[in-house]
């Protein structure tokens, strides 16, 4: 990929999960942050990504690179495809590579911090919120019902933010990552935390577990 001037790595969510259309990008890297500005109205999640990923390798080689995440795997979701086409056409037009553009839009807010909400119970997941919803701290996001004991365990949001990704309703076990919340953290506070944490701050965007993948893989 060294001949590339810019690179977009297109992904869906991991198995049995779905993502709102979003960019994953290292916003501490100025050429990458400038590249992000070309896409228009799409949430941006600040992340350096997996060090062994295509995105990280390309950025290390000096190529501005982002990951475009949208929808579910193993499905043809026309609405997600339409959004992806619009975003990429916007980027092509703003960079001077493509002249046709129907609507110029302002960039969406960036999320400099996120958190995965996991369940402590096993059973069947029933979500009460939808992908892209704004949620409050203490809000019940869903519940896990045990079909044997009929016990119900609520899943409560520990943060105020937006649902960027979530698991589909399914059978879950304790520790399973269910809701990915984008948190409106100031850029300055997160960059300061990364500078003191070093390499340990470069966490994976997707949960790691049996049969699950890391972001950008």
N, C-alpha and C. Protein backbone atom coordinates (compact mmCIF):
# COMPACT_ATOMS: atom_id res chain seq x y z
N UNK A 1 0.82 -1.22 0.00
CA UNK A 1 0.00 0.00 0.00
C UNK A 1 0.86 1.28 0.00
N UNK A 2 2.16 1.14 -0.14
CA UNK A 2 3.02 2.31 -0.03
C UNK A 2 2.83 3.32 -1.16
N UNK A 3 2.19 2.90 -2.26
CA UNK A 3 1.93 3.84 -3.35
C UNK A 3 0.72 4.74 -3.06
N UNK A 4 -0.02 4.44 -1.99
CA UNK A 4 -1.25 5.20 -1.68
C UNK A 4 -0.93 6.57 -1.09
N UNK A 5 -1.76 7.55 -1.42
CA UNK A 5 -1.69 8.86 -0.77
C UNK A 5 -2.56 8.89 0.47
N UNK A 6 -3.68 8.17 0.43
CA UNK A 6 -4.61 8.05 1.55
C UNK A 6 -5.21 6.65 1.50
N UNK A 7 -5.73 6.17 2.64
CA UNK A 7 -6.24 4.80 2.68
C UNK A 7 -7.48 4.72 3.58
N UNK A 8 -8.50 4.01 3.08
CA UNK A 8 -9.70 3.74 3.87
C UNK A 8 -9.84 2.22 3.98
N UNK A 9 -9.84 1.71 5.20
CA UNK A 9 -10.04 0.28 5.45
C UNK A 9 -11.50 0.08 5.87
N UNK A 10 -12.28 -0.63 5.04
CA UNK A 10 -13.72 -0.72 5.26
C UNK A 10 -14.08 -2.00 6.02
N UNK A 11 -14.84 -1.83 7.10
CA UNK A 11 -15.20 -2.94 7.99
C UNK A 11 -16.67 -2.92 8.35
N UNK A 12 -17.14 -4.07 8.84
CA UNK A 12 -18.41 -4.14 9.57
C UNK A 12 -18.08 -4.41 11.03
N UNK A 13 -19.11 -4.53 11.86
CA UNK A 13 -18.91 -4.97 13.23
C UNK A 13 -18.44 -6.41 13.26
N UNK A 14 -18.00 -6.86 14.43
CA UNK A 14 -17.62 -8.26 14.58
C UNK A 14 -18.88 -9.12 14.63
N UNK A 15 -18.71 -10.43 14.63
CA UNK A 15 -19.85 -11.33 14.56
C UNK A 15 -20.85 -11.08 15.70
N UNK A 16 -22.13 -11.06 15.34
CA UNK A 16 -23.25 -10.88 16.26
C UNK A 16 -23.27 -9.49 16.90
N UNK A 17 -22.59 -8.51 16.24
CA UNK A 17 -22.63 -7.13 16.69
C UNK A 17 -22.86 -6.23 15.48
N UNK A 18 -23.29 -5.01 15.75
CA UNK A 18 -23.49 -4.04 14.68
C UNK A 18 -22.93 -2.70 15.11
N UNK A 19 -22.51 -1.90 14.15
CA UNK A 19 -21.93 -0.59 14.41
C UNK A 19 -22.69 0.50 13.66
N UNK A 20 -22.88 1.64 14.31
CA UNK A 20 -23.32 2.82 13.60
C UNK A 20 -22.19 3.22 12.67
N UNK A 21 -22.47 3.77 11.46
CA UNK A 21 -21.37 4.22 10.60
C UNK A 21 -20.46 5.18 11.35
N UNK A 22 -19.16 4.88 11.34
CA UNK A 22 -18.21 5.65 12.13
C UNK A 22 -16.82 5.48 11.54
N UNK A 23 -15.96 6.45 11.83
CA UNK A 23 -14.56 6.34 11.48
C UNK A 23 -13.75 6.03 12.72
N UNK A 24 -12.75 5.17 12.58
CA UNK A 24 -11.75 4.95 13.63
C UNK A 24 -10.47 5.60 13.13
N UNK A 25 -9.90 6.50 13.91
CA UNK A 25 -8.74 7.25 13.44
C UNK A 25 -7.90 7.72 14.61
N UNK A 26 -6.59 7.82 14.38
CA UNK A 26 -5.67 8.36 15.37
C UNK A 26 -5.66 9.87 15.23
N UNK A 27 -6.50 10.54 16.02
CA UNK A 27 -6.66 11.99 15.91
C UNK A 27 -5.48 12.76 16.49
N UNK A 28 -4.55 12.07 17.13
CA UNK A 28 -3.34 12.75 17.60
C UNK A 28 -2.33 12.92 16.47
N UNK A 29 -2.59 12.27 15.32
CA UNK A 29 -1.74 12.37 14.14
C UNK A 29 -2.37 13.41 13.20
N UNK A 30 -1.69 14.54 12.99
CA UNK A 30 -2.31 15.65 12.24
C UNK A 30 -2.71 15.27 10.81
N UNK A 31 -1.89 14.59 10.02
CA UNK A 31 -2.33 14.20 8.67
C UNK A 31 -3.58 13.33 8.70
N UNK A 32 -3.70 12.45 9.70
CA UNK A 32 -4.90 11.63 9.84
C UNK A 32 -6.09 12.48 10.23
N UNK A 33 -5.90 13.39 11.18
CA UNK A 33 -6.99 14.27 11.61
C UNK A 33 -7.46 15.14 10.45
N UNK A 34 -6.54 15.62 9.61
CA UNK A 34 -6.92 16.41 8.43
C UNK A 34 -7.70 15.55 7.43
N UNK A 35 -7.31 14.30 7.29
CA UNK A 35 -7.99 13.37 6.39
C UNK A 35 -9.43 13.15 6.85
N UNK A 36 -9.62 13.00 8.15
CA UNK A 36 -10.95 12.79 8.73
C UNK A 36 -11.90 13.94 8.36
N UNK A 37 -11.37 15.16 8.32
CA UNK A 37 -12.20 16.33 8.03
C UNK A 37 -12.87 16.26 6.66
N UNK A 38 -12.35 15.43 5.75
CA UNK A 38 -12.88 15.35 4.39
C UNK A 38 -14.16 14.52 4.28
N UNK A 39 -14.51 13.77 5.34
CA UNK A 39 -15.62 12.82 5.24
C UNK A 39 -16.99 13.42 5.55
N UNK A 40 -17.02 14.56 6.20
CA UNK A 40 -18.31 15.16 6.50
C UNK A 40 -18.95 14.60 7.75
N UNK A 41 -20.27 14.39 7.69
CA UNK A 41 -21.08 14.09 8.87
C UNK A 41 -21.04 12.62 9.25
N UNK A 42 -20.02 12.23 10.02
CA UNK A 42 -19.91 10.86 10.52
C UNK A 42 -19.20 10.91 11.87
N UNK A 43 -19.67 10.18 12.88
CA UNK A 43 -18.97 10.14 14.16
C UNK A 43 -17.55 9.59 13.98
N UNK A 44 -16.64 10.15 14.74
CA UNK A 44 -15.24 9.73 14.68
C UNK A 44 -14.79 9.26 16.05
N UNK A 45 -14.24 8.07 16.11
CA UNK A 45 -13.76 7.49 17.35
C UNK A 45 -12.24 7.55 17.34
N UNK A 46 -11.68 8.26 18.29
CA UNK A 46 -10.22 8.36 18.39
C UNK A 46 -9.64 7.03 18.85
N UNK A 47 -8.78 6.44 18.03
CA UNK A 47 -8.15 5.17 18.38
C UNK A 47 -6.93 4.95 17.51
N UNK A 48 -5.84 4.52 18.13
CA UNK A 48 -4.66 4.16 17.36
C UNK A 48 -4.79 2.77 16.75
N UNK A 49 -5.69 1.96 17.31
CA UNK A 49 -5.96 0.64 16.73
C UNK A 49 -4.92 -0.40 17.08
N UNK A 50 -5.18 -1.60 16.62
CA UNK A 50 -4.28 -2.72 16.83
C UNK A 50 -2.94 -2.43 16.14
N UNK A 51 -1.86 -2.59 16.84
CA UNK A 51 -0.54 -2.29 16.28
C UNK A 51 -0.20 -3.18 15.09
N UNK A 52 -0.86 -4.34 14.96
CA UNK A 52 -0.59 -5.24 13.85
C UNK A 52 -1.59 -5.05 12.71
N UNK A 53 -2.39 -3.99 12.77
CA UNK A 53 -3.43 -3.78 11.77
C UNK A 53 -2.89 -3.06 10.54
N UNK A 54 -3.65 -3.16 9.44
CA UNK A 54 -3.32 -2.42 8.23
C UNK A 54 -3.28 -0.92 8.50
N UNK A 55 -4.26 -0.44 9.26
CA UNK A 55 -4.33 1.00 9.54
C UNK A 55 -3.08 1.50 10.26
N UNK A 56 -2.69 0.83 11.32
CA UNK A 56 -1.53 1.26 12.09
C UNK A 56 -0.26 1.19 11.25
N UNK A 57 -0.12 0.13 10.45
CA UNK A 57 1.08 -0.02 9.62
C UNK A 57 1.15 1.08 8.57
N UNK A 58 0.00 1.41 7.96
CA UNK A 58 -0.01 2.45 6.94
C UNK A 58 0.30 3.82 7.55
N UNK A 59 -0.29 4.11 8.71
CA UNK A 59 -0.01 5.39 9.37
C UNK A 59 1.47 5.49 9.73
N UNK A 60 2.05 4.39 10.18
CA UNK A 60 3.48 4.38 10.51
C UNK A 60 4.34 4.64 9.28
N UNK A 61 3.81 4.26 8.11
CA UNK A 61 4.53 4.49 6.85
C UNK A 61 4.26 5.89 6.29
N UNK A 62 3.50 6.71 7.03
CA UNK A 62 3.25 8.07 6.60
C UNK A 62 2.03 8.26 5.72
N UNK A 63 1.16 7.24 5.66
CA UNK A 63 -0.05 7.31 4.84
C UNK A 63 -1.25 7.57 5.73
N UNK A 64 -1.94 8.70 5.60
CA UNK A 64 -3.14 8.96 6.40
C UNK A 64 -4.18 7.86 6.15
N UNK A 65 -4.61 7.19 7.22
CA UNK A 65 -5.48 6.02 7.09
C UNK A 65 -6.56 6.06 8.15
N UNK A 66 -7.77 5.67 7.76
CA UNK A 66 -8.88 5.53 8.70
C UNK A 66 -9.55 4.18 8.46
N UNK A 67 -10.27 3.72 9.47
CA UNK A 67 -11.14 2.56 9.31
C UNK A 67 -12.58 3.06 9.29
N UNK A 68 -13.34 2.63 8.28
CA UNK A 68 -14.76 2.95 8.20
C UNK A 68 -15.54 1.72 8.66
N UNK A 69 -16.22 1.85 9.80
CA UNK A 69 -17.01 0.76 10.36
C UNK A 69 -18.49 1.05 10.12
N UNK A 70 -19.25 0.03 9.70
CA UNK A 70 -20.68 0.24 9.49
C UNK A 70 -21.42 -1.10 9.46
N UNK A 71 -22.46 -1.19 10.28
CA UNK A 71 -23.39 -2.30 10.18
C UNK A 71 -22.91 -3.64 10.72
N UNK A 72 -23.55 -4.70 10.22
CA UNK A 72 -23.31 -6.06 10.67
C UNK A 72 -22.53 -6.86 9.63
N UNK A 73 -21.83 -7.91 10.08
CA UNK A 73 -21.16 -8.79 9.13
C UNK A 73 -22.14 -9.79 8.51
N UNK A 74 -21.77 -10.36 7.38
CA UNK A 74 -22.53 -11.43 6.73
C UNK A 74 -23.91 -10.99 6.27
N UNK A 75 -24.12 -9.67 6.11
CA UNK A 75 -25.41 -9.16 5.64
C UNK A 75 -25.18 -8.05 4.63
N UNK A 76 -26.06 -7.95 3.63
CA UNK A 76 -26.04 -6.84 2.70
C UNK A 76 -27.08 -5.82 3.17
N UNK A 77 -26.63 -4.78 3.85
CA UNK A 77 -27.50 -3.76 4.39
C UNK A 77 -27.44 -2.53 3.48
N UNK A 78 -28.45 -2.35 2.66
CA UNK A 78 -28.43 -1.30 1.65
C UNK A 78 -28.30 0.09 2.26
N UNK A 79 -28.93 0.32 3.42
CA UNK A 79 -28.84 1.63 4.04
C UNK A 79 -27.42 1.94 4.47
N UNK A 80 -26.72 0.92 4.99
CA UNK A 80 -25.32 1.13 5.39
C UNK A 80 -24.44 1.37 4.17
N UNK A 81 -24.70 0.64 3.08
CA UNK A 81 -23.94 0.82 1.85
C UNK A 81 -24.14 2.24 1.31
N UNK A 82 -25.38 2.72 1.33
CA UNK A 82 -25.68 4.07 0.83
C UNK A 82 -24.93 5.13 1.63
N UNK A 83 -24.89 4.95 2.96
CA UNK A 83 -24.17 5.91 3.81
C UNK A 83 -22.68 5.88 3.48
N UNK A 84 -22.13 4.67 3.33
CA UNK A 84 -20.71 4.54 3.01
C UNK A 84 -20.35 5.18 1.69
N UNK A 85 -21.20 4.99 0.68
CA UNK A 85 -20.96 5.60 -0.63
C UNK A 85 -20.96 7.12 -0.53
N UNK A 86 -21.93 7.67 0.21
CA UNK A 86 -22.02 9.12 0.36
C UNK A 86 -20.78 9.67 1.06
N UNK A 87 -20.32 8.99 2.10
CA UNK A 87 -19.15 9.45 2.85
C UNK A 87 -17.90 9.44 1.98
N UNK A 88 -17.72 8.37 1.22
CA UNK A 88 -16.52 8.26 0.39
C UNK A 88 -16.58 9.25 -0.77
N UNK A 89 -17.77 9.44 -1.35
CA UNK A 89 -17.89 10.44 -2.41
C UNK A 89 -17.61 11.84 -1.89
N UNK A 90 -18.04 12.11 -0.65
CA UNK A 90 -17.74 13.41 -0.04
C UNK A 90 -16.24 13.60 0.11
N UNK A 91 -15.56 12.56 0.59
CA UNK A 91 -14.11 12.63 0.73
C UNK A 91 -13.43 12.83 -0.62
N UNK A 92 -13.88 12.11 -1.65
CA UNK A 92 -13.28 12.24 -2.98
C UNK A 92 -13.47 13.65 -3.53
N UNK A 93 -14.65 14.22 -3.31
CA UNK A 93 -14.93 15.56 -3.81
C UNK A 93 -14.10 16.62 -3.08
N UNK A 94 -14.05 16.52 -1.76
CA UNK A 94 -13.31 17.52 -0.97
C UNK A 94 -11.80 17.44 -1.21
N UNK A 95 -11.31 16.27 -1.60
CA UNK A 95 -9.89 16.12 -1.87
C UNK A 95 -9.54 16.43 -3.32
N UNK A 96 -10.57 16.76 -4.14
CA UNK A 96 -10.33 17.13 -5.53
C UNK A 96 -10.25 15.96 -6.50
N UNK A 97 -10.59 14.75 -6.04
CA UNK A 97 -10.51 13.58 -6.91
C UNK A 97 -11.81 13.30 -7.65
N UNK A 98 -12.90 13.92 -7.21
CA UNK A 98 -14.22 13.63 -7.78
C UNK A 98 -15.04 14.90 -7.74
N UNK A 99 -15.60 15.30 -8.87
CA UNK A 99 -16.23 16.61 -8.96
C UNK A 99 -17.68 16.63 -8.52
N UNK A 100 -18.37 15.48 -8.52
CA UNK A 100 -19.79 15.45 -8.22
C UNK A 100 -20.00 15.40 -6.71
N UNK A 101 -20.81 16.33 -6.21
CA UNK A 101 -21.12 16.35 -4.78
C UNK A 101 -22.47 17.01 -4.58
N UNK A 102 -23.40 16.31 -3.93
CA UNK A 102 -24.74 16.83 -3.77
C UNK A 102 -24.92 17.71 -2.55
N UNK A 103 -24.25 17.38 -1.43
CA UNK A 103 -24.49 18.11 -0.19
C UNK A 103 -23.22 18.18 0.63
N UNK A 104 -22.82 19.41 0.97
CA UNK A 104 -21.66 19.60 1.83
C UNK A 104 -22.15 19.67 3.27
N UNK A 105 -21.56 18.88 4.12
CA UNK A 105 -22.00 18.81 5.51
C UNK A 105 -20.82 19.03 6.44
N UNK A 106 -21.13 19.52 7.64
CA UNK A 106 -20.09 19.75 8.63
C UNK A 106 -19.68 18.43 9.27
N UNK A 107 -18.43 18.31 9.72
CA UNK A 107 -18.00 17.09 10.41
C UNK A 107 -18.80 16.86 11.68
N UNK A 108 -19.06 15.61 12.00
CA UNK A 108 -19.75 15.25 13.24
C UNK A 108 -18.77 15.30 14.40
N UNK A 109 -19.28 15.32 15.65
CA UNK A 109 -18.38 15.34 16.80
C UNK A 109 -17.49 14.11 16.87
N UNK A 110 -16.30 14.31 17.40
CA UNK A 110 -15.37 13.21 17.61
C UNK A 110 -15.47 12.71 19.04
N UNK A 111 -15.31 11.40 19.21
CA UNK A 111 -15.33 10.80 20.55
C UNK A 111 -13.90 10.40 20.90
N UNK A 112 -13.34 11.09 21.88
CA UNK A 112 -11.96 10.84 22.26
C UNK A 112 -11.84 9.75 23.34
N UNK A 113 -12.97 9.22 23.75
CA UNK A 113 -12.96 8.12 24.72
C UNK A 113 -14.22 7.28 24.52
N UNK A 114 -14.10 5.98 24.72
CA UNK A 114 -15.24 5.08 24.63
C UNK A 114 -15.14 4.02 25.72
N UNK A 115 -16.23 3.32 25.93
CA UNK A 115 -16.24 2.24 26.93
C UNK A 115 -17.17 1.13 26.47
N UNK A 116 -16.75 -0.10 26.70
CA UNK A 116 -17.62 -1.26 26.46
C UNK A 116 -18.34 -1.61 27.75
N UNK A 117 -19.64 -1.81 27.66
CA UNK A 117 -20.44 -2.24 28.80
C UNK A 117 -20.65 -3.74 28.67
N UNK A 118 -20.27 -4.49 29.69
CA UNK A 118 -20.34 -5.95 29.66
C UNK A 118 -21.40 -6.45 30.65
N UNK A 119 -21.87 -7.65 30.41
CA UNK A 119 -22.85 -8.25 31.30
C UNK A 119 -22.17 -9.12 32.35
N UNK A 120 -22.76 -9.17 33.53
CA UNK A 120 -22.27 -10.06 34.59
C UNK A 120 -23.11 -11.33 34.69
N UNK A 121 -24.11 -11.45 33.83
CA UNK A 121 -25.04 -12.58 33.91
C UNK A 121 -25.04 -13.37 32.61
N UNK A 122 -25.59 -14.57 32.68
CA UNK A 122 -25.78 -15.38 31.47
C UNK A 122 -27.27 -15.53 31.22
N UNK A 123 -27.62 -15.58 29.94
CA UNK A 123 -29.02 -15.70 29.56
C UNK A 123 -29.25 -15.08 28.20
N UNK A 124 -30.47 -14.67 27.94
CA UNK A 124 -30.84 -14.10 26.65
C UNK A 124 -30.91 -12.58 26.77
N UNK A 125 -30.18 -11.90 25.87
CA UNK A 125 -30.13 -10.44 25.88
C UNK A 125 -31.35 -9.86 25.17
N UNK A 126 -31.97 -8.87 25.81
CA UNK A 126 -33.05 -8.09 25.21
C UNK A 126 -32.70 -6.61 25.38
N UNK A 127 -32.34 -5.94 24.29
CA UNK A 127 -31.96 -4.53 24.36
C UNK A 127 -33.19 -3.63 24.41
N UNK A 128 -33.06 -2.54 25.12
CA UNK A 128 -34.13 -1.55 25.22
C UNK A 128 -33.79 -0.27 24.46
N UNK A 129 -32.57 -0.18 23.97
CA UNK A 129 -32.15 1.00 23.21
C UNK A 129 -31.75 0.56 21.81
N UNK A 130 -31.57 1.53 20.92
CA UNK A 130 -31.23 1.24 19.53
C UNK A 130 -29.86 1.80 19.20
N UNK A 131 -29.28 1.28 18.15
CA UNK A 131 -27.99 1.75 17.66
C UNK A 131 -28.07 3.25 17.36
N UNK A 132 -27.10 4.01 17.88
CA UNK A 132 -27.06 5.45 17.66
C UNK A 132 -27.78 6.28 18.70
N UNK A 133 -28.47 5.64 19.64
CA UNK A 133 -29.20 6.39 20.67
C UNK A 133 -28.25 7.13 21.61
N UNK A 134 -28.69 8.29 22.07
CA UNK A 134 -28.01 9.00 23.16
C UNK A 134 -28.50 8.40 24.48
N UNK A 135 -27.58 8.11 25.40
CA UNK A 135 -27.95 7.49 26.67
C UNK A 135 -27.39 8.32 27.83
N UNK A 136 -28.01 8.15 29.00
CA UNK A 136 -27.59 8.85 30.19
C UNK A 136 -26.94 7.88 31.17
N UNK A 137 -26.11 8.40 32.05
CA UNK A 137 -25.54 7.58 33.12
C UNK A 137 -26.68 7.06 34.00
N UNK A 138 -26.68 5.77 34.27
CA UNK A 138 -27.71 5.15 35.09
C UNK A 138 -28.91 4.64 34.30
N UNK A 139 -28.94 4.90 33.00
CA UNK A 139 -30.06 4.44 32.17
C UNK A 139 -29.96 2.94 31.92
N UNK A 140 -31.10 2.26 31.96
CA UNK A 140 -31.13 0.83 31.66
C UNK A 140 -31.07 0.64 30.15
N UNK A 141 -30.03 -0.05 29.69
CA UNK A 141 -29.81 -0.24 28.27
C UNK A 141 -30.48 -1.51 27.75
N UNK A 142 -30.62 -2.47 28.63
CA UNK A 142 -31.21 -3.75 28.24
C UNK A 142 -31.23 -4.67 29.45
N UNK A 143 -31.59 -5.91 29.22
CA UNK A 143 -31.65 -6.88 30.31
C UNK A 143 -31.26 -8.25 29.80
N UNK A 144 -30.71 -9.05 30.69
CA UNK A 144 -30.38 -10.45 30.38
C UNK A 144 -31.32 -11.34 31.19
N UNK A 145 -32.11 -12.14 30.50
CA UNK A 145 -33.08 -13.03 31.14
C UNK A 145 -32.57 -14.45 31.15
N UNK A 146 -32.59 -15.06 32.33
CA UNK A 146 -32.21 -16.47 32.46
C UNK A 146 -33.44 -17.33 32.18
N UNK A 147 -33.43 -18.13 31.09
CA UNK A 147 -34.64 -18.89 30.73
C UNK A 147 -34.94 -20.04 31.68
N UNK A 148 -33.99 -20.41 32.54
CA UNK A 148 -34.20 -21.49 33.50
C UNK A 148 -34.82 -20.96 34.80
N UNK A 149 -34.22 -19.90 35.34
CA UNK A 149 -34.68 -19.37 36.63
C UNK A 149 -35.65 -18.20 36.49
N UNK A 150 -35.80 -17.67 35.26
CA UNK A 150 -36.62 -16.49 35.00
C UNK A 150 -36.07 -15.22 35.66
N UNK A 151 -34.84 -15.29 36.14
CA UNK A 151 -34.21 -14.11 36.73
C UNK A 151 -33.84 -13.12 35.63
N UNK A 152 -34.05 -11.84 35.90
CA UNK A 152 -33.70 -10.78 34.95
C UNK A 152 -32.67 -9.86 35.58
N UNK A 153 -31.59 -9.60 34.85
CA UNK A 153 -30.54 -8.70 35.31
C UNK A 153 -30.46 -7.52 34.35
N UNK A 154 -30.71 -6.31 34.86
CA UNK A 154 -30.64 -5.11 34.03
C UNK A 154 -29.19 -4.73 33.74
N UNK A 155 -28.96 -4.18 32.55
CA UNK A 155 -27.65 -3.67 32.18
C UNK A 155 -27.75 -2.14 32.18
N UNK A 156 -26.98 -1.52 33.06
CA UNK A 156 -27.09 -0.09 33.30
C UNK A 156 -25.88 0.64 32.71
N UNK A 157 -26.13 1.77 32.08
CA UNK A 157 -25.04 2.55 31.49
C UNK A 157 -24.22 3.25 32.58
N UNK A 158 -22.90 3.07 32.57
CA UNK A 158 -22.07 3.78 33.53
C UNK A 158 -21.67 5.17 33.04
N UNK A 159 -22.06 5.52 31.82
CA UNK A 159 -21.63 6.78 31.23
C UNK A 159 -22.77 7.47 30.49
N UNK A 160 -22.61 8.76 30.28
CA UNK A 160 -23.45 9.52 29.36
C UNK A 160 -22.74 9.53 28.01
N UNK A 161 -23.47 9.22 26.94
CA UNK A 161 -22.83 9.20 25.63
C UNK A 161 -23.76 8.69 24.56
N UNK A 162 -23.19 8.12 23.50
CA UNK A 162 -23.95 7.63 22.36
C UNK A 162 -23.58 6.19 22.07
N UNK A 163 -24.58 5.38 21.70
CA UNK A 163 -24.34 3.98 21.39
C UNK A 163 -23.74 3.88 19.99
N UNK A 164 -22.42 3.62 19.92
CA UNK A 164 -21.72 3.51 18.65
C UNK A 164 -21.79 2.10 18.09
N UNK A 165 -21.90 1.12 18.97
CA UNK A 165 -21.97 -0.27 18.56
C UNK A 165 -22.66 -1.08 19.63
N UNK A 166 -23.23 -2.22 19.24
CA UNK A 166 -23.92 -3.04 20.22
C UNK A 166 -24.06 -4.48 19.72
N UNK A 167 -24.24 -5.38 20.67
CA UNK A 167 -24.49 -6.77 20.33
C UNK A 167 -25.94 -6.93 19.91
N UNK A 168 -26.19 -7.83 18.98
CA UNK A 168 -27.56 -8.18 18.63
C UNK A 168 -28.15 -9.01 19.75
N UNK A 169 -29.46 -9.03 19.88
CA UNK A 169 -30.09 -9.86 20.91
C UNK A 169 -29.72 -11.32 20.67
N UNK A 170 -29.19 -11.96 21.70
CA UNK A 170 -28.63 -13.31 21.57
C UNK A 170 -28.38 -13.88 22.96
N UNK A 171 -27.92 -15.12 23.02
CA UNK A 171 -27.51 -15.71 24.29
C UNK A 171 -26.12 -15.19 24.64
N UNK A 172 -25.95 -14.73 25.88
CA UNK A 172 -24.67 -14.16 26.31
C UNK A 172 -24.20 -14.83 27.60
N UNK A 173 -22.91 -14.74 27.82
CA UNK A 173 -22.28 -15.26 29.03
C UNK A 173 -21.65 -14.10 29.80
N UNK A 174 -21.35 -14.30 31.10
CA UNK A 174 -20.73 -13.23 31.88
C UNK A 174 -19.44 -12.73 31.22
N UNK A 175 -19.28 -11.43 31.17
CA UNK A 175 -18.11 -10.83 30.55
C UNK A 175 -18.30 -10.44 29.10
N UNK A 176 -19.43 -10.83 28.50
CA UNK A 176 -19.67 -10.54 27.09
C UNK A 176 -19.88 -9.05 26.89
N UNK A 177 -19.16 -8.44 25.92
CA UNK A 177 -19.28 -7.01 25.65
C UNK A 177 -20.53 -6.76 24.82
N UNK A 178 -21.40 -5.88 25.32
CA UNK A 178 -22.71 -5.69 24.69
C UNK A 178 -22.88 -4.32 24.06
N UNK A 179 -22.54 -3.24 24.78
CA UNK A 179 -22.77 -1.89 24.27
C UNK A 179 -21.46 -1.10 24.24
N UNK A 180 -21.21 -0.45 23.10
CA UNK A 180 -20.02 0.38 22.94
C UNK A 180 -20.48 1.83 22.98
N UNK A 181 -20.09 2.55 24.02
CA UNK A 181 -20.56 3.91 24.24
C UNK A 181 -19.46 4.92 23.90
N UNK A 182 -19.80 5.88 23.03
CA UNK A 182 -18.90 6.99 22.76
C UNK A 182 -19.11 8.06 23.81
N UNK A 183 -18.03 8.51 24.43
CA UNK A 183 -18.09 9.47 25.54
C UNK A 183 -17.50 10.80 25.10
N UNK A 184 -18.21 11.87 25.38
CA UNK A 184 -17.76 13.20 24.99
C UNK A 184 -16.68 13.71 25.94
N UNK A 185 -15.49 13.13 25.80
CA UNK A 185 -14.35 13.53 26.62
C UNK A 185 -13.56 14.62 25.90
N UNK A 186 -13.15 15.69 26.58
CA UNK A 186 -12.34 16.72 25.92
C UNK A 186 -11.06 16.14 25.34
N UNK A 187 -10.67 16.61 24.18
CA UNK A 187 -9.47 16.11 23.50
C UNK A 187 -8.23 16.29 24.35
N UNK A 188 -8.11 17.43 25.03
CA UNK A 188 -6.90 17.72 25.79
C UNK A 188 -6.68 16.74 26.92
N UNK A 189 -7.75 16.32 27.59
CA UNK A 189 -7.60 15.41 28.73
C UNK A 189 -7.18 14.03 28.27
N UNK A 190 -7.69 13.57 27.13
CA UNK A 190 -7.33 12.24 26.66
C UNK A 190 -5.91 12.23 26.12
N UNK A 191 -5.52 13.26 25.39
CA UNK A 191 -4.17 13.30 24.86
C UNK A 191 -3.15 13.33 26.00
N UNK A 192 -3.48 14.03 27.09
CA UNK A 192 -2.58 14.07 28.23
C UNK A 192 -2.46 12.69 28.87
N UNK A 193 -3.59 11.97 28.95
CA UNK A 193 -3.58 10.64 29.53
C UNK A 193 -2.75 9.69 28.68
N UNK A 194 -2.86 9.81 27.35
CA UNK A 194 -2.10 8.94 26.46
C UNK A 194 -0.61 9.20 26.57
N UNK A 195 -0.23 10.46 26.74
CA UNK A 195 1.19 10.78 26.81
C UNK A 195 1.84 10.23 28.05
N UNK A 196 1.07 10.09 29.13
CA UNK A 196 1.62 9.54 30.37
C UNK A 196 1.49 8.03 30.42
N UNK A 197 0.50 7.47 29.71
CA UNK A 197 0.30 6.02 29.77
C UNK A 197 1.20 5.27 28.82
N UNK A 198 1.69 5.93 27.75
CA UNK A 198 2.56 5.26 26.80
C UNK A 198 1.81 4.23 25.99
N UNK A 199 2.47 3.13 25.70
CA UNK A 199 1.91 2.10 24.83
C UNK A 199 0.71 1.40 25.45
N UNK A 200 0.61 1.39 26.77
CA UNK A 200 -0.47 0.67 27.42
C UNK A 200 -1.83 1.29 27.14
N UNK A 201 -1.85 2.57 26.69
CA UNK A 201 -3.13 3.24 26.43
C UNK A 201 -3.74 2.82 25.10
N UNK A 202 -2.98 2.11 24.27
CA UNK A 202 -3.45 1.72 22.94
C UNK A 202 -4.30 0.46 23.03
N UNK A 203 -5.52 0.63 23.50
CA UNK A 203 -6.41 -0.51 23.70
C UNK A 203 -7.10 -0.89 22.41
N UNK A 204 -7.60 -2.13 22.37
CA UNK A 204 -8.35 -2.59 21.21
C UNK A 204 -9.73 -1.95 21.20
N UNK A 205 -10.24 -1.66 20.01
CA UNK A 205 -11.56 -1.05 19.88
C UNK A 205 -12.67 -2.07 20.01
N UNK A 206 -12.43 -3.29 19.55
CA UNK A 206 -13.44 -4.33 19.63
C UNK A 206 -13.08 -5.27 20.78
N UNK A 207 -14.07 -5.86 21.44
CA UNK A 207 -13.79 -6.75 22.56
C UNK A 207 -13.10 -8.02 22.11
N UNK A 208 -12.22 -8.53 22.96
CA UNK A 208 -11.52 -9.77 22.65
C UNK A 208 -12.14 -10.91 23.44
N UNK A 209 -12.46 -11.98 22.80
CA UNK A 209 -13.05 -13.11 23.47
C UNK A 209 -13.16 -14.27 22.50
N UNK A 210 -13.69 -15.41 22.93
CA UNK A 210 -13.81 -16.56 22.05
C UNK A 210 -14.60 -16.23 20.79
N UNK A 211 -13.98 -16.44 19.65
CA UNK A 211 -14.66 -16.21 18.39
C UNK A 211 -14.80 -14.74 18.00
N UNK A 212 -14.17 -13.84 18.77
CA UNK A 212 -14.29 -12.42 18.50
C UNK A 212 -12.99 -11.91 17.89
N UNK A 213 -13.09 -10.82 17.13
CA UNK A 213 -11.91 -10.25 16.50
C UNK A 213 -11.57 -8.92 17.11
N UNK A 214 -10.34 -8.46 16.87
CA UNK A 214 -9.94 -7.13 17.26
C UNK A 214 -10.27 -6.16 16.14
N UNK A 215 -10.32 -4.87 16.48
CA UNK A 215 -10.55 -3.86 15.48
C UNK A 215 -9.44 -3.90 14.43
N UNK A 216 -9.81 -3.62 13.18
CA UNK A 216 -8.87 -3.49 12.06
C UNK A 216 -8.25 -4.81 11.67
N UNK A 217 -8.76 -5.95 12.13
CA UNK A 217 -8.23 -7.24 11.70
C UNK A 217 -9.18 -7.89 10.73
